[in-house]
Amino acid sequence: MILESFSDLYKKKILCITSEKPLTIPEILQTCKISTPVGYRKINSLIKVGFVRAVDTAVQNGKKVKKYESIFDDVKIYIDKDTLKVKVKLKRK
């Protein structure tokens, strides 16, 4: 799942931007320059597999909205001849 998510350009952008700081979905879409329908599908997919989680709330336009962050602090993918290695550092709660 990690390789699949990081090979998808939009999911990779979402994971990278939300690893820096928690953001609302509109902030994620704007920062990553992703259309709303595609962005919601990608974010919901990442939430479903547990790679993005709700961690906080904010008020936008008078409504309470969730802020999301990636569970990954760092991900490194190494490919060497016939070997594939993935090193993951998870964030602490």
PDB file of N, CA and C in Angstrom:
ATOM      1  N   MET A   1       0.816  -1.194   0.000  1.00  0.00           N
ATOM      2  CA  MET A   1       0.000   0.000   0.000  1.00  0.00           C
ATOM      3  C   MET A   1       0.865   1.266   0.000  1.00  0.00           C
ATOM      4  N   ILE A   2       1.991   1.198   0.686  1.00  0.00           N
ATOM      5  CA  ILE A   2       2.873   2.371   0.735  1.00  0.00           C
ATOM      6  C   ILE A   2       3.400   2.688  -0.659  1.00  0.00           C
ATOM      7  N   LEU A   3       3.875   1.661  -1.359  1.00  0.00           N
ATOM      8  CA  LEU A   3       4.401   1.880  -2.710  1.00  0.00           C
ATOM      9  C   LEU A   3       3.313   2.382  -3.647  1.00  0.00           C
ATOM     10  N   GLU A   4       2.131   1.805  -3.534  1.00  0.00           N
ATOM     11  CA  GLU A   4       1.011   2.229  -4.373  1.00  0.00           C
ATOM     12  C   GLU A   4       0.671   3.694  -4.118  1.00  0.00           C
ATOM     13  N   SER A   5       0.638   4.083  -2.865  1.00  0.00           N
ATOM     14  CA  SER A   5       0.295   5.463  -2.518  1.00  0.00           C
ATOM     15  C   SER A   5       1.363   6.445  -2.983  1.00  0.00           C
ATOM     16  N   PHE A   6       2.617   6.104  -2.819  1.00  0.00           N
ATOM     17  CA  PHE A   6       3.687   7.016  -3.222  1.00  0.00           C
ATOM     18  C   PHE A   6       3.944   7.013  -4.724  1.00  0.00           C
ATOM     19  N   SER A   7       3.400   6.014  -5.437  1.00  0.00           N
ATOM     20  CA  SER A   7       3.534   6.019  -6.899  1.00  0.00           C
ATOM     21  C   SER A   7       2.422   6.834  -7.554  1.00  0.00           C
ATOM     22  N   ASP A   8       1.385   7.170  -6.790  1.00  0.00           N
ATOM     23  CA  ASP A   8       0.295   8.015  -7.279  1.00  0.00           C
ATOM     24  C   ASP A   8       0.678   9.469  -6.984  1.00  0.00           C
ATOM     25  N   LEU A   9       0.814  10.281  -8.021  1.00  0.00           N
ATOM     26  CA  LEU A   9       1.295  11.660  -7.881  1.00  0.00           C
ATOM     27  C   LEU A   9       0.468  12.464  -6.883  1.00  0.00           C
ATOM     28  N   TYR A  10      -0.855  12.368  -6.964  1.00  0.00           N
ATOM     29  CA  TYR A  10      -1.713  13.142  -6.063  1.00  0.00           C
ATOM     30  C   TYR A  10      -1.601  12.656  -4.619  1.00  0.00           C
ATOM     31  N   LYS A  11      -1.613  11.340  -4.428  1.00  0.00           N
ATOM     32  CA  LYS A  11      -1.499  10.808  -3.071  1.00  0.00           C
ATOM     33  C   LYS A  11      -0.153  11.176  -2.467  1.00  0.00           C
ATOM     34  N   LYS A  12       0.881  11.118  -3.277  1.00  0.00           N
ATOM     35  CA  LYS A  12       2.218  11.481  -2.796  1.00  0.00           C
ATOM     36  C   LYS A  12       2.248  12.944  -2.346  1.00  0.00           C
ATOM     37  N   LYS A  13       1.639  13.835  -3.141  1.00  0.00           N
ATOM     38  CA  LYS A  13       1.587  15.251  -2.762  1.00  0.00           C
ATOM     39  C   LYS A  13       0.841  15.432  -1.443  1.00  0.00           C
ATOM     40  N   ILE A  14      -0.286  14.732  -1.314  1.00  0.00           N
ATOM     41  CA  ILE A  14      -1.098  14.841  -0.101  1.00  0.00           C
ATOM     42  C   ILE A  14      -0.309  14.354   1.113  1.00  0.00           C
ATOM     43  N   LEU A  15       0.354  13.204   0.975  1.00  0.00           N
ATOM     44  CA  LEU A  15       1.132  12.657   2.087  1.00  0.00           C
ATOM     45  C   LEU A  15       2.293  13.575   2.457  1.00  0.00           C
ATOM     46  N   CYS A  16       2.949  14.141   1.470  1.00  0.00           N
ATOM     47  CA  CYS A  16       4.089  15.022   1.744  1.00  0.00           C
ATOM     48  C   CYS A  16       3.648  16.314   2.439  1.00  0.00           C
ATOM     49  N   ILE A  17       2.592  16.946   1.931  1.00  0.00           N
ATOM     50  CA  ILE A  17       2.165  18.221   2.503  1.00  0.00           C
ATOM     51  C   ILE A  17       1.576  18.040   3.893  1.00  0.00           C
ATOM     52  N   THR A  18       0.891  16.924   4.129  1.00  0.00           N
ATOM     53  CA  THR A  18       0.295  16.703   5.456  1.00  0.00           C
ATOM     54  C   THR A  18       1.286  16.105   6.444  1.00  0.00           C
ATOM     55  N   SER A  19       2.477  15.780   5.991  1.00  0.00           N
ATOM     56  CA  SER A  19       3.504  15.337   6.939  1.00  0.00           C
ATOM     57  C   SER A  19       4.172  16.551   7.590  1.00  0.00           C
ATOM     58  N   GLU A  20       4.055  17.715   6.939  1.00  0.00           N
ATOM     59  CA  GLU A  20       4.652  18.940   7.469  1.00  0.00           C
ATOM     60  C   GLU A  20       3.815  19.549   8.590  1.00  0.00           C
ATOM     61  N   LYS A  21       2.484  19.597   8.367  1.00  0.00           N
ATOM     62  CA  LYS A  21       1.577  20.143   9.377  1.00  0.00           C
ATOM     63  C   LYS A  21       0.156  19.724   9.033  1.00  0.00           C
ATOM     64  N   PRO A  22      -0.715  19.644  10.033  1.00  0.00           N
ATOM     65  CA  PRO A  22      -2.120  19.288   9.776  1.00  0.00           C
ATOM     66  C   PRO A  22      -2.823  20.373   8.958  1.00  0.00           C
ATOM     67  N   LEU A  23      -3.626  19.940   7.997  1.00  0.00           N
ATOM     68  CA  LEU A  23      -4.361  20.861   7.135  1.00  0.00           C
ATOM     69  C   LEU A  23      -5.799  20.389   6.957  1.00  0.00           C
ATOM     70  N   THR A  24      -6.689  21.320   6.661  1.00  0.00           N
ATOM     71  CA  THR A  24      -8.062  20.960   6.317  1.00  0.00           C
ATOM     72  C   THR A  24      -8.074  20.462   4.871  1.00  0.00           C
ATOM     73  N   ILE A  25      -9.133  19.793   4.486  1.00  0.00           N
ATOM     74  CA  ILE A  25      -9.204  19.290   3.114  1.00  0.00           C
ATOM     75  C   ILE A  25      -9.131  20.429   2.095  1.00  0.00           C
ATOM     76  N   PRO A  26      -9.866  21.533   2.265  1.00  0.00           N
ATOM     77  CA  PRO A  26      -9.704  22.633   1.300  1.00  0.00           C
ATOM     78  C   PRO A  26      -8.267  23.157   1.214  1.00  0.00           C
ATOM     79  N   GLU A  27      -7.570  23.223   2.348  1.00  0.00           N
ATOM     80  CA  GLU A  27      -6.167  23.671   2.341  1.00  0.00           C
ATOM     81  C   GLU A  27      -5.290  22.683   1.582  1.00  0.00           C
ATOM     82  N   ILE A  28      -5.552  21.389   1.772  1.00  0.00           N
ATOM     83  CA  ILE A  28      -4.781  20.359   1.059  1.00  0.00           C
ATOM     84  C   ILE A  28      -4.998  20.500  -0.443  1.00  0.00           C
ATOM     85  N   LEU A  29      -6.261  20.636  -0.851  1.00  0.00           N
ATOM     86  CA  LEU A  29      -6.586  20.739  -2.276  1.00  0.00           C
ATOM     87  C   LEU A  29      -5.945  21.973  -2.904  1.00  0.00           C
ATOM     88  N   GLN A  30      -5.998  23.085  -2.188  1.00  0.00           N
ATOM     89  CA  GLN A  30      -5.427  24.328  -2.709  1.00  0.00           C
ATOM     90  C   GLN A  30      -3.905  24.241  -2.787  1.00  0.00           C
ATOM     91  N   THR A  31      -3.272  23.752  -1.740  1.00  0.00           N
ATOM     92  CA  THR A  31      -1.810  23.672  -1.695  1.00  0.00           C
ATOM     93  C   THR A  31      -1.273  22.711  -2.758  1.00  0.00           C
ATOM     94  N   CYS A  32      -1.949  21.582  -2.917  1.00  0.00           N
ATOM     95  CA  CYS A  32      -1.498  20.562  -3.870  1.00  0.00           C
ATOM     96  C   CYS A  32      -2.007  20.804  -5.287  1.00  0.00           C
ATOM     97  N   LYS A  33      -2.886  21.809  -5.448  1.00  0.00           N
ATOM     98  CA  LYS A  33      -3.475  22.125  -6.756  1.00  0.00           C
ATOM     99  C   LYS A  33      -4.172  20.900  -7.360  1.00  0.00           C
ATOM    100  N   ILE A  34      -5.092  20.322  -6.564  1.00  0.00           N
ATOM    101  CA  ILE A  34      -5.847  19.144  -6.978  1.00  0.00           C
ATOM    102  C   ILE A  34      -7.316  19.539  -7.053  1.00  0.00           C
ATOM    103  N   SER A  35      -8.014  19.068  -8.086  1.00  0.00           N
ATOM    104  CA  SER A  35      -9.441  19.369  -8.203  1.00  0.00           C
ATOM    105  C   SER A  35     -10.201  18.726  -7.045  1.00  0.00           C
ATOM    106  N   THR A  36     -11.343  19.301  -6.714  1.00  0.00           N
ATOM    107  CA  THR A  36     -12.124  18.830  -5.569  1.00  0.00           C
ATOM    108  C   THR A  36     -12.536  17.359  -5.686  1.00  0.00           C
ATOM    109  N   PRO A  37     -13.147  16.924  -6.803  1.00  0.00           N
ATOM    110  CA  PRO A  37     -13.571  15.510  -6.871  1.00  0.00           C
ATOM    111  C   PRO A  37     -12.400  14.532  -6.754  1.00  0.00           C
ATOM    112  N   VAL A  38     -11.326  14.809  -7.468  1.00  0.00           N
ATOM    113  CA  VAL A  38     -10.146  13.933  -7.426  1.00  0.00           C
ATOM    114  C   VAL A  38      -9.516  13.981  -6.047  1.00  0.00           C
ATOM    115  N   GLY A  39      -9.392  15.168  -5.492  1.00  0.00           N
ATOM    116  CA  GLY A  39      -8.776  15.336  -4.182  1.00  0.00           C
ATOM    117  C   GLY A  39      -9.513  14.592  -3.091  1.00  0.00           C
ATOM    118  N   TYR A  40     -10.837  14.708  -3.067  1.00  0.00           N
ATOM    119  CA  TYR A  40     -11.617  14.007  -2.048  1.00  0.00           C
ATOM    120  C   TYR A  40     -11.476  12.489  -2.197  1.00  0.00           C
ATOM    121  N   ARG A  41     -11.464  11.982  -3.434  1.00  0.00           N
ATOM    122  CA  ARG A  41     -11.276  10.535  -3.643  1.00  0.00           C
ATOM    123  C   ARG A  41      -9.925  10.081  -3.110  1.00  0.00           C
ATOM    124  N   LYS A  42      -8.885  10.834  -3.407  1.00  0.00           N
ATOM    125  CA  LYS A  42      -7.529  10.465  -2.983  1.00  0.00           C
ATOM    126  C   LYS A  42      -7.394  10.559  -1.461  1.00  0.00           C
ATOM    127  N   ILE A  43      -7.901  11.637  -0.866  1.00  0.00           N
ATOM    128  CA  ILE A  43      -7.806  11.808   0.585  1.00  0.00           C
ATOM    129  C   ILE A  43      -8.597  10.725   1.297  1.00  0.00           C
ATOM    130  N   ASN A  44      -9.813  10.460   0.846  1.00  0.00           N
ATOM    131  CA  ASN A  44     -10.627   9.407   1.466  1.00  0.00           C
ATOM    132  C   ASN A  44      -9.963   8.041   1.351  1.00  0.00           C
ATOM    133  N   SER A  45      -9.302   7.793   0.238  1.00  0.00           N
ATOM    134  CA  SER A  45      -8.568   6.534   0.058  1.00  0.00           C
ATOM    135  C   SER A  45      -7.430   6.428   1.075  1.00  0.00           C
ATOM    136  N   LEU A  46      -6.709   7.521   1.285  1.00  0.00           N
ATOM    137  CA  LEU A  46      -5.607   7.537   2.250  1.00  0.00           C
ATOM    138  C   LEU A  46      -6.114   7.409   3.685  1.00  0.00           C
ATOM    139  N   ILE A  47      -7.268   7.996   3.970  1.00  0.00           N
ATOM    140  CA  ILE A  47      -7.878   7.851   5.301  1.00  0.00           C
ATOM    141  C   ILE A  47      -8.290   6.403   5.518  1.00  0.00           C
ATOM    142  N   LYS A  48      -8.895   5.801   4.504  1.00  0.00           N
ATOM    143  CA  LYS A  48      -9.386   4.424   4.605  1.00  0.00           C
ATOM    144  C   LYS A  48      -8.268   3.432   4.944  1.00  0.00           C
ATOM    145  N   VAL A  49      -7.091   3.601   4.334  1.00  0.00           N
ATOM    146  CA  VAL A  49      -5.972   2.686   4.614  1.00  0.00           C
ATOM    147  C   VAL A  49      -5.176   3.105   5.854  1.00  0.00           C
ATOM    148  N   GLY A  50      -5.527   4.263   6.433  1.00  0.00           N
ATOM    149  CA  GLY A  50      -4.890   4.695   7.676  1.00  0.00           C
ATOM    150  C   GLY A  50      -3.629   5.515   7.509  1.00  0.00           C
ATOM    151  N   PHE A  51      -3.339   5.990   6.297  1.00  0.00           N
ATOM    152  CA  PHE A  51      -2.128   6.773   6.073  1.00  0.00           C
ATOM    153  C   PHE A  51      -2.319   8.252   6.401  1.00  0.00           C
ATOM    154  N   VAL A  52      -3.567   8.710   6.456  1.00  0.00           N
ATOM    155  CA  VAL A  52      -3.900  10.079   6.834  1.00  0.00           C
ATOM    156  C   VAL A  52      -4.955   9.979   7.925  1.00  0.00           C
ATOM    157  N   ARG A  53      -4.810  10.819   8.957  1.00  0.00           N
ATOM    158  CA  ARG A  53      -5.741  10.766  10.086  1.00  0.00           C
ATOM    159  C   ARG A  53      -6.147  12.174  10.507  1.00  0.00           C
ATOM    160  N   ALA A  54      -7.351  12.273  11.064  1.00  0.00           N
ATOM    161  CA  ALA A  54      -7.828  13.541  11.608  1.00  0.00           C
ATOM    162  C   ALA A  54      -7.155  13.754  12.961  1.00  0.00           C
ATOM    163  N   VAL A  55      -6.606  14.948  13.169  1.00  0.00           N
ATOM    164  CA  VAL A  55      -5.869  15.212  14.410  1.00  0.00           C
ATOM    165  C   VAL A  55      -6.322  16.459  15.142  1.00  0.00           C
ATOM    166  N   ASP A  56      -7.067  17.313  14.477  1.00  0.00           N
ATOM    167  CA  ASP A  56      -7.426  18.592  15.074  1.00  0.00           C
ATOM    168  C   ASP A  56      -8.647  19.137  14.345  1.00  0.00           C
ATOM    169  N   THR A  57      -9.178  20.243  14.836  1.00  0.00           N
ATOM    170  CA  THR A  57     -10.272  20.917  14.146  1.00  0.00           C
ATOM    171  C   THR A  57      -9.943  22.389  13.988  1.00  0.00           C
ATOM    172  N   ALA A  58     -10.617  22.995  13.031  1.00  0.00           N
ATOM    173  CA  ALA A  58     -10.465  24.426  12.781  1.00  0.00           C
ATOM    174  C   ALA A  58     -11.831  24.968  12.402  1.00  0.00           C
ATOM    175  N   VAL A  59     -11.972  26.288  12.418  1.00  0.00           N
ATOM    176  CA  VAL A  59     -13.216  26.916  11.986  1.00  0.00           C
ATOM    177  C   VAL A  59     -12.947  27.628  10.670  1.00  0.00           C
ATOM    178  N   GLN A  60     -13.705  27.240   9.634  1.00  0.00           N
ATOM    179  CA  GLN A  60     -13.597  27.881   8.326  1.00  0.00           C
ATOM    180  C   GLN A  60     -15.002  28.253   7.875  1.00  0.00           C
ATOM    181  N   ASN A  61     -15.187  29.488   7.496  1.00  0.00           N
ATOM    182  CA  ASN A  61     -16.492  29.984   7.048  1.00  0.00           C
ATOM    183  C   ASN A  61     -17.574  29.698   8.081  1.00  0.00           C
ATOM    184  N   GLY A  62     -17.228  29.806   9.344  1.00  0.00           N
ATOM    185  CA  GLY A  62     -18.181  29.595  10.424  1.00  0.00           C
ATOM    186  C   GLY A  62     -18.515  28.145  10.714  1.00  0.00           C
ATOM    187  N   LYS A  63     -17.831  27.217  10.050  1.00  0.00           N
ATOM    188  CA  LYS A  63     -18.075  25.785  10.260  1.00  0.00           C
ATOM    189  C   LYS A  63     -16.846  25.131  10.867  1.00  0.00           C
ATOM    190  N   LYS A  64     -17.086  24.143  11.708  1.00  0.00           N
ATOM    191  CA  LYS A  64     -16.009  23.375  12.314  1.00  0.00           C
ATOM    192  C   LYS A  64     -15.578  22.290  11.309  1.00  0.00           C
ATOM    193  N   VAL A  65     -14.297  22.272  10.945  1.00  0.00           N
ATOM    194  CA  VAL A  65     -13.768  21.290   9.996  1.00  0.00           C
ATOM    195  C   VAL A  65     -12.564  20.584  10.594  1.00  0.00           C
ATOM    196  N   LYS A  66     -12.327  19.379  10.122  1.00  0.00           N
ATOM    197  CA  LYS A  66     -11.202  18.585  10.625  1.00  0.00           C
ATOM    198  C   LYS A  66      -9.916  18.957   9.910  1.00  0.00           C
ATOM    199  N   LYS A  67      -8.819  18.827  10.652  1.00  0.00           N
ATOM    200  CA  LYS A  67      -7.479  18.944  10.070  1.00  0.00           C
ATOM    201  C   LYS A  67      -6.886  17.553  10.015  1.00  0.00           C
ATOM    202  N   TYR A  68      -6.172  17.270   8.942  1.00  0.00           N
ATOM    203  CA  TYR A  68      -5.621  15.946   8.712  1.00  0.00           C
ATOM    204  C   TYR A  68      -4.103  16.003   8.608  1.00  0.00           C
ATOM    205  N   GLU A  69      -3.469  14.890   9.038  1.00  0.00           N
ATOM    206  CA  GLU A  69      -2.018  14.781   8.881  1.00  0.00           C
ATOM    207  C   GLU A  69      -1.664  13.371   8.440  1.00  0.00           C
ATOM    208  N   SER A  70      -0.527  13.261   7.805  1.00  0.00           N
ATOM    209  CA  SER A  70       0.022  11.971   7.410  1.00  0.00           C
ATOM    210  C   SER A  70       0.561  11.268   8.649  1.00  0.00           C
ATOM    211  N   ILE A  71       0.483   9.948   8.672  1.00  0.00           N
ATOM    212  CA  ILE A  71       1.063   9.204   9.794  1.00  0.00           C
ATOM    213  C   ILE A  71       2.571   9.042   9.622  1.00  0.00           C
ATOM    214  N   PHE A  72       3.077   9.398   8.437  1.00  0.00           N
ATOM    215  CA  PHE A  72       4.498   9.210   8.138  1.00  0.00           C
ATOM    216  C   PHE A  72       5.305  10.452   8.471  1.00  0.00           C
ATOM    217  N   ASP A  73       6.406  10.236   9.168  1.00  0.00           N
ATOM    218  CA  ASP A  73       7.360  11.310   9.409  1.00  0.00           C
ATOM    219  C   ASP A  73       8.371  11.335   8.269  1.00  0.00           C
ATOM    220  N   ASP A  74       8.738  10.142   7.792  1.00  0.00           N
ATOM    221  CA  ASP A  74       9.705  10.022   6.707  1.00  0.00           C
ATOM    222  C   ASP A  74       9.533   8.679   6.022  1.00  0.00           C
ATOM    223  N   VAL A  75       9.640   8.672   4.698  1.00  0.00           N
ATOM    224  CA  VAL A  75       9.578   7.434   3.922  1.00  0.00           C
ATOM    225  C   VAL A  75      10.707   7.471   2.905  1.00  0.00           C
ATOM    226  N   LYS A  76      11.477   6.398   2.883  1.00  0.00           N
ATOM    227  CA  LYS A  76      12.555   6.271   1.903  1.00  0.00           C
ATOM    228  C   LYS A  76      12.368   4.956   1.150  1.00  0.00           C
ATOM    229  N   ILE A  77      12.456   5.032  -0.164  1.00  0.00           N
ATOM    230  CA  ILE A  77      12.296   3.854  -1.012  1.00  0.00           C
ATOM    231  C   ILE A  77      13.595   3.668  -1.778  1.00  0.00           C
ATOM    232  N   TYR A  78      14.186   2.490  -1.612  1.00  0.00           N
ATOM    233  CA  TYR A  78      15.449   2.163  -2.269  1.00  0.00           C
ATOM    234  C   TYR A  78      15.225   1.038  -3.272  1.00  0.00           C
ATOM    235  N   ILE A  79      15.776   1.215  -4.473  1.00  0.00           N
ATOM    236  CA  ILE A  79      15.723   0.167  -5.482  1.00  0.00           C
ATOM    237  C   ILE A  79      17.161  -0.090  -5.924  1.00  0.00           C
ATOM    238  N   ASP A  80      17.591  -1.348  -5.761  1.00  0.00           N
ATOM    239  CA  ASP A  80      18.952  -1.719  -6.123  1.00  0.00           C
ATOM    240  C   ASP A  80      18.917  -3.089  -6.788  1.00  0.00           C
ATOM    241  N   LYS A  81      19.105  -3.110  -8.081  1.00  0.00           N
ATOM    242  CA  LYS A  81      19.055  -4.343  -8.869  1.00  0.00           C
ATOM    243  C   LYS A  81      17.763  -5.098  -8.593  1.00  0.00           C
ATOM    244  N   ASP A  82      17.837  -6.227  -7.900  1.00  0.00           N
ATOM    245  CA  ASP A  82      16.656  -7.052  -7.653  1.00  0.00           C
ATOM    246  C   ASP A  82      16.065  -6.832  -6.270  1.00  0.00           C
ATOM    247  N   THR A  83      16.493  -5.773  -5.585  1.00  0.00           N
ATOM    248  CA  THR A  83      16.055  -5.543  -4.218  1.00  0.00           C
ATOM    249  C   THR A  83      15.274  -4.246  -4.110  1.00  0.00           C
ATOM    250  N   LEU A  84      14.183  -4.315  -3.369  1.00  0.00           N
ATOM    251  CA  LEU A  84      13.377  -3.139  -3.094  1.00  0.00           C
ATOM    252  C   LEU A  84      13.256  -3.017  -1.585  1.00  0.00           C
ATOM    253  N   LYS A  85      13.637  -1.876  -1.046  1.00  0.00           N
ATOM    254  CA  LYS A  85      13.568  -1.637   0.396  1.00  0.00           C
ATOM    255  C   LYS A  85      12.749  -0.387   0.657  1.00  0.00           C
ATOM    256  N   VAL A  86      11.886  -0.461   1.654  1.00  0.00           N
ATOM    257  CA  VAL A  86      11.093   0.685   2.071  1.00  0.00           C
ATOM    258  C   VAL A  86      11.358   0.909   3.549  1.00  0.00           C
ATOM    259  N   LYS A  87      11.854   2.088   3.888  1.00  0.00           N
ATOM    260  CA  LYS A  87      12.091   2.453   5.290  1.00  0.00           C
ATOM    261  C   LYS A  87      11.094   3.534   5.663  1.00  0.00           C
ATOM    262  N   VAL A  88      10.357   3.281   6.728  1.00  0.00           N
ATOM    263  CA  VAL A  88       9.293   4.180   7.163  1.00  0.00           C
ATOM    264  C   VAL A  88       9.525   4.610   8.593  1.00  0.00           C
ATOM    265  N   LYS A  89       9.403   5.912   8.816  1.00  0.00           N
ATOM    266  CA  LYS A  89       9.427   6.445  10.179  1.00  0.00           C
ATOM    267  C   LYS A  89       8.057   7.057  10.428  1.00  0.00           C
ATOM    268  N   LEU A  90       7.339   6.501  11.416  1.00  0.00           N
ATOM    269  CA  LEU A  90       6.003   6.963  11.721  1.00  0.00           C
ATOM    270  C   LEU A  90       6.031   8.110  12.721  1.00  0.00           C
ATOM    271  N   LYS A  91       5.019   8.981  12.642  1.00  0.00           N
ATOM    272  CA  LYS A  91       4.886  10.069  13.613  1.00  0.00           C
ATOM    273  C   LYS A  91       4.385   9.527  14.916  1.00  0.00           C
ATOM    274  N   ARG A  92       4.765  10.164  15.984  1.00  0.00           N
ATOM    275  CA  ARG A  92       4.217   9.822  17.290  1.00  0.00           C
ATOM    276  C   ARG A  92       2.932  10.594  17.481  1.00  0.00           C
ATOM    277  N   LYS A  93       1.993   9.987  18.190  1.00  0.00           N
ATOM    278  CA  LYS A  93       0.714  10.678  18.440  1.00  0.00           C
ATOM    279  C   LYS A  93       0.875  11.737  19.488  1.00  0.00           C
TER     280      LYS A  93
END
